[in-house]
Structure formats: structure tokens, C-alpha cells
Amino acid sequence: MNPLKWHREHQAALILGVVIGIALWLAIGFMYDGLHSAISPATANAAFHDQTMTGIMAWLGTGSAWRWGIFGALVGGGLLYTRQLLHE
């Protein structure tokens, strides 16, 4: 079962599933792993939005964010691959 020989719309669905999986699992990973660093105050006078954005950017720069994103890509792609495999 070679994804390169699928119809174009199935290949697009696979790519979209991978992208949605990355975004979803990055959000889940941030809620699970990075939320405490995002809302912890960097300075006493910083606005909450600045603290949150600084925390998000710091979390995305760590190895943990990459692991969540790669896991999401595997989950999203694997679900669509399995679906396509079962329909043929």
C-alpha cells in the first residue's frame, strides 16, 4: 500500500491529517507540559499576554515541543493511512 500511488485527494487528506495532528498534539502537549512555564511571571511588571507569549515561545524551543509535534504527525498520518487501508 504505497501512499504515492493513491489518488490526489487521498494524498492531500493524508497531508492535512498530519498537519492537523501536529497542531492538535502541540496544543495538548502545551496544556499538559508547558502551561506552567507560560503563565509563570518572567518579570514583576510584565503583562499577562507578554508572559504567556514568552512562555509559549520558550516551550516551543525545548525538545518537549518537538516530541509532541512528531507524535501528532504520526497519530494523524497513521489514522488516515489505516482508514485508507481498510477501505481498499
N, C-alpha and C. Protein backbone atom coordinates (compact mmCIF):
# COMPACT_ATOMS: atom_id res chain seq x y z
N MET A 1 0.85 -1.18 0.00
CA MET A 1 0.00 0.00 0.00
C MET A 1 0.89 1.23 0.00
N ASN A 2 1.13 1.76 -1.14
CA ASN A 2 2.03 2.89 -1.32
C ASN A 2 1.23 4.19 -1.38
N PRO A 3 1.44 5.11 -0.43
CA PRO A 3 0.69 6.38 -0.46
C PRO A 3 1.01 7.23 -1.70
N LEU A 4 2.14 6.99 -2.34
CA LEU A 4 2.47 7.77 -3.53
C LEU A 4 1.62 7.37 -4.73
N LYS A 5 0.96 6.22 -4.66
CA LYS A 5 0.09 5.77 -5.76
C LYS A 5 -1.39 6.02 -5.47
N TRP A 6 -1.69 6.67 -4.35
CA TRP A 6 -3.07 7.00 -4.03
C TRP A 6 -3.56 8.11 -4.95
N HIS A 7 -4.89 8.30 -4.96
CA HIS A 7 -5.46 9.43 -5.68
C HIS A 7 -5.00 10.73 -5.02
N ARG A 8 -5.02 11.79 -5.79
CA ARG A 8 -4.53 13.07 -5.30
C ARG A 8 -5.29 13.56 -4.07
N GLU A 9 -6.61 13.35 -4.05
CA GLU A 9 -7.39 13.82 -2.90
C GLU A 9 -7.07 13.02 -1.64
N HIS A 10 -6.71 11.75 -1.79
CA HIS A 10 -6.31 10.95 -0.63
C HIS A 10 -4.94 11.38 -0.12
N GLN A 11 -4.04 11.73 -1.02
CA GLN A 11 -2.74 12.23 -0.60
C GLN A 11 -2.88 13.57 0.12
N ALA A 12 -3.76 14.44 -0.40
CA ALA A 12 -4.00 15.72 0.26
C ALA A 12 -4.60 15.51 1.65
N ALA A 13 -5.51 14.54 1.77
CA ALA A 13 -6.11 14.23 3.06
C ALA A 13 -5.06 13.72 4.05
N LEU A 14 -4.11 12.93 3.56
CA LEU A 14 -3.04 12.43 4.43
C LEU A 14 -2.18 13.59 4.94
N ILE A 15 -1.83 14.50 4.06
CA ILE A 15 -1.02 15.66 4.46
C ILE A 15 -1.80 16.53 5.44
N LEU A 16 -3.08 16.75 5.15
CA LEU A 16 -3.90 17.55 6.06
C LEU A 16 -4.05 16.87 7.41
N GLY A 17 -4.19 15.55 7.42
CA GLY A 17 -4.27 14.82 8.68
C GLY A 17 -3.00 14.95 9.51
N VAL A 18 -1.85 14.93 8.84
CA VAL A 18 -0.57 15.10 9.54
C VAL A 18 -0.48 16.51 10.13
N VAL A 19 -0.87 17.52 9.36
CA VAL A 19 -0.79 18.91 9.84
C VAL A 19 -1.75 19.13 11.01
N ILE A 20 -2.97 18.61 10.89
CA ILE A 20 -3.93 18.75 11.99
C ILE A 20 -3.44 17.99 13.22
N GLY A 21 -2.85 16.81 13.02
CA GLY A 21 -2.30 16.05 14.14
C GLY A 21 -1.18 16.81 14.84
N ILE A 22 -0.31 17.46 14.07
CA ILE A 22 0.76 18.25 14.68
C ILE A 22 0.18 19.37 15.51
N ALA A 23 -0.75 20.13 14.93
CA ALA A 23 -1.34 21.27 15.65
C ALA A 23 -2.08 20.82 16.91
N LEU A 24 -2.86 19.76 16.79
CA LEU A 24 -3.64 19.27 17.92
C LEU A 24 -2.74 18.77 19.05
N TRP A 25 -1.74 17.99 18.70
CA TRP A 25 -0.88 17.44 19.75
C TRP A 25 0.09 18.47 20.32
N LEU A 26 0.43 19.51 19.54
CA LEU A 26 1.19 20.60 20.14
C LEU A 26 0.33 21.32 21.18
N ALA A 27 -0.96 21.52 20.88
CA ALA A 27 -1.85 22.16 21.85
C ALA A 27 -2.02 21.28 23.09
N ILE A 28 -2.20 19.98 22.88
CA ILE A 28 -2.34 19.06 24.02
C ILE A 28 -1.04 19.04 24.83
N GLY A 29 0.08 18.99 24.14
CA GLY A 29 1.37 18.98 24.84
C GLY A 29 1.60 20.25 25.62
N PHE A 30 1.18 21.38 25.05
CA PHE A 30 1.34 22.64 25.78
C PHE A 30 0.48 22.66 27.02
N MET A 31 -0.77 22.18 26.89
CA MET A 31 -1.64 22.14 28.07
C MET A 31 -1.10 21.19 29.13
N TYR A 32 -0.50 20.09 28.70
CA TYR A 32 0.00 19.09 29.64
C TYR A 32 1.36 19.46 30.21
N ASP A 33 2.23 19.97 29.35
CA ASP A 33 3.65 20.09 29.70
C ASP A 33 4.12 21.52 29.86
N GLY A 34 3.59 22.45 29.07
CA GLY A 34 4.19 23.77 29.03
C GLY A 34 3.38 24.88 29.64
N LEU A 35 2.21 24.58 30.17
CA LEU A 35 1.34 25.64 30.67
C LEU A 35 1.94 26.34 31.88
N HIS A 36 2.58 25.59 32.75
CA HIS A 36 3.14 26.22 33.95
C HIS A 36 4.25 27.21 33.61
N SER A 37 5.02 26.95 32.57
CA SER A 37 6.08 27.89 32.20
C SER A 37 5.53 29.09 31.46
N ALA A 38 4.37 28.95 30.83
CA ALA A 38 3.79 30.06 30.08
C ALA A 38 3.16 31.10 30.99
N ILE A 39 2.61 30.67 32.11
CA ILE A 39 1.93 31.64 32.96
C ILE A 39 2.76 32.04 34.17
N SER A 40 3.94 31.50 34.31
CA SER A 40 4.79 31.95 35.40
C SER A 40 5.38 33.31 35.02
N PRO A 41 5.36 34.24 35.92
CA PRO A 41 5.81 35.60 35.58
C PRO A 41 7.30 35.65 35.30
N ALA A 42 7.63 36.25 34.16
CA ALA A 42 9.04 36.43 33.82
C ALA A 42 9.61 37.61 34.60
N THR A 43 8.83 38.66 34.68
CA THR A 43 9.20 39.82 35.50
C THR A 43 7.97 40.26 36.26
N ALA A 44 8.16 41.08 37.24
CA ALA A 44 7.04 41.50 38.08
C ALA A 44 6.10 42.46 37.34
N ASN A 45 6.61 43.20 36.36
CA ASN A 45 5.79 44.21 35.70
C ASN A 45 5.26 43.77 34.34
N ALA A 46 5.59 42.60 33.89
CA ALA A 46 5.19 42.16 32.56
C ALA A 46 3.69 41.89 32.51
N ALA A 47 3.08 42.22 31.37
CA ALA A 47 1.66 41.95 31.18
C ALA A 47 1.46 40.45 31.02
N PHE A 48 0.25 39.99 31.31
CA PHE A 48 -0.04 38.56 31.23
C PHE A 48 0.18 38.04 29.82
N HIS A 49 -0.23 38.81 28.80
CA HIS A 49 -0.06 38.38 27.41
C HIS A 49 1.42 38.22 27.08
N ASP A 50 2.24 39.15 27.51
CA ASP A 50 3.68 39.05 27.25
C ASP A 50 4.27 37.83 27.94
N GLN A 51 3.83 37.56 29.16
CA GLN A 51 4.32 36.40 29.89
C GLN A 51 3.92 35.11 29.17
N THR A 52 2.67 35.07 28.72
CA THR A 52 2.17 33.86 28.06
C THR A 52 2.91 33.62 26.76
N MET A 53 3.07 34.66 25.95
CA MET A 53 3.77 34.50 24.68
C MET A 53 5.23 34.13 24.89
N THR A 54 5.86 34.68 25.88
CA THR A 54 7.24 34.33 26.19
C THR A 54 7.32 32.87 26.62
N GLY A 55 6.36 32.44 27.43
CA GLY A 55 6.34 31.04 27.87
C GLY A 55 6.09 30.08 26.72
N ILE A 56 5.17 30.45 25.81
CA ILE A 56 4.90 29.60 24.65
C ILE A 56 6.14 29.48 23.79
N MET A 57 6.79 30.60 23.52
CA MET A 57 7.99 30.57 22.67
C MET A 57 9.11 29.78 23.34
N ALA A 58 9.25 29.92 24.65
CA ALA A 58 10.28 29.15 25.36
C ALA A 58 9.96 27.66 25.30
N TRP A 59 8.68 27.30 25.45
CA TRP A 59 8.30 25.89 25.40
C TRP A 59 8.50 25.32 24.00
N LEU A 60 8.17 26.10 22.95
CA LEU A 60 8.37 25.62 21.59
C LEU A 60 9.85 25.43 21.27
N GLY A 61 10.71 26.13 21.97
CA GLY A 61 12.15 25.99 21.75
C GLY A 61 12.76 24.79 22.45
N THR A 62 11.99 24.12 23.30
CA THR A 62 12.53 22.96 24.01
C THR A 62 12.31 21.69 23.20
N GLY A 63 12.96 20.64 23.59
CA GLY A 63 12.79 19.36 22.92
C GLY A 63 11.42 18.75 23.15
N SER A 64 10.77 19.12 24.23
CA SER A 64 9.47 18.56 24.54
C SER A 64 8.44 18.92 23.48
N ALA A 65 8.47 20.14 22.99
CA ALA A 65 7.51 20.56 21.96
C ALA A 65 7.68 19.74 20.69
N TRP A 66 8.91 19.45 20.33
CA TRP A 66 9.17 18.65 19.13
C TRP A 66 8.60 17.24 19.28
N ARG A 67 8.76 16.67 20.46
CA ARG A 67 8.23 15.31 20.68
C ARG A 67 6.72 15.27 20.53
N TRP A 68 6.02 16.25 21.07
CA TRP A 68 4.56 16.29 20.95
C TRP A 68 4.16 16.47 19.49
N GLY A 69 4.86 17.32 18.75
CA GLY A 69 4.54 17.54 17.34
C GLY A 69 4.77 16.31 16.49
N ILE A 70 5.88 15.63 16.72
CA ILE A 70 6.18 14.40 15.95
C ILE A 70 5.15 13.31 16.27
N PHE A 71 4.80 13.21 17.55
CA PHE A 71 3.77 12.24 17.93
C PHE A 71 2.45 12.56 17.23
N GLY A 72 2.09 13.83 17.17
CA GLY A 72 0.87 14.24 16.49
C GLY A 72 0.89 13.92 15.01
N ALA A 73 2.05 14.11 14.37
CA ALA A 73 2.16 13.77 12.95
C ALA A 73 1.98 12.28 12.73
N LEU A 74 2.55 11.47 13.61
CA LEU A 74 2.40 10.02 13.49
C LEU A 74 0.96 9.58 13.73
N VAL A 75 0.30 10.18 14.71
CA VAL A 75 -1.08 9.82 15.00
C VAL A 75 -1.99 10.23 13.85
N GLY A 76 -1.87 11.48 13.39
CA GLY A 76 -2.72 11.95 12.30
C GLY A 76 -2.50 11.18 11.01
N GLY A 77 -1.25 10.97 10.64
CA GLY A 77 -0.95 10.21 9.43
C GLY A 77 -1.35 8.76 9.55
N GLY A 78 -1.11 8.18 10.72
CA GLY A 78 -1.45 6.78 10.94
C GLY A 78 -2.95 6.52 10.88
N LEU A 79 -3.73 7.44 11.42
CA LEU A 79 -5.19 7.28 11.36
C LEU A 79 -5.69 7.29 9.92
N LEU A 80 -5.21 8.23 9.13
CA LEU A 80 -5.66 8.30 7.75
C LEU A 80 -5.12 7.15 6.91
N TYR A 81 -3.91 6.73 7.18
CA TYR A 81 -3.35 5.58 6.46
C TYR A 81 -4.16 4.32 6.75
N THR A 82 -4.50 4.13 8.01
CA THR A 82 -5.30 2.97 8.41
C THR A 82 -6.69 3.03 7.79
N ARG A 83 -7.28 4.20 7.77
CA ARG A 83 -8.59 4.35 7.15
C ARG A 83 -8.54 3.97 5.68
N GLN A 84 -7.53 4.46 4.98
CA GLN A 84 -7.39 4.16 3.57
C GLN A 84 -7.12 2.66 3.34
N LEU A 85 -6.34 2.08 4.22
CA LEU A 85 -6.02 0.67 4.12
C LEU A 85 -7.28 -0.19 4.30
N LEU A 86 -8.15 0.20 5.21
CA LEU A 86 -9.37 -0.57 5.47
C LEU A 86 -10.41 -0.42 4.36
N HIS A 87 -10.35 0.67 3.62
CA HIS A 87 -11.33 0.89 2.55
C HIS A 87 -10.93 0.26 1.24
N GLU A 88 -9.73 -0.25 1.12
CA GLU A 88 -9.33 -0.89 -0.14
C GLU A 88 -9.40 -2.38 -0.05
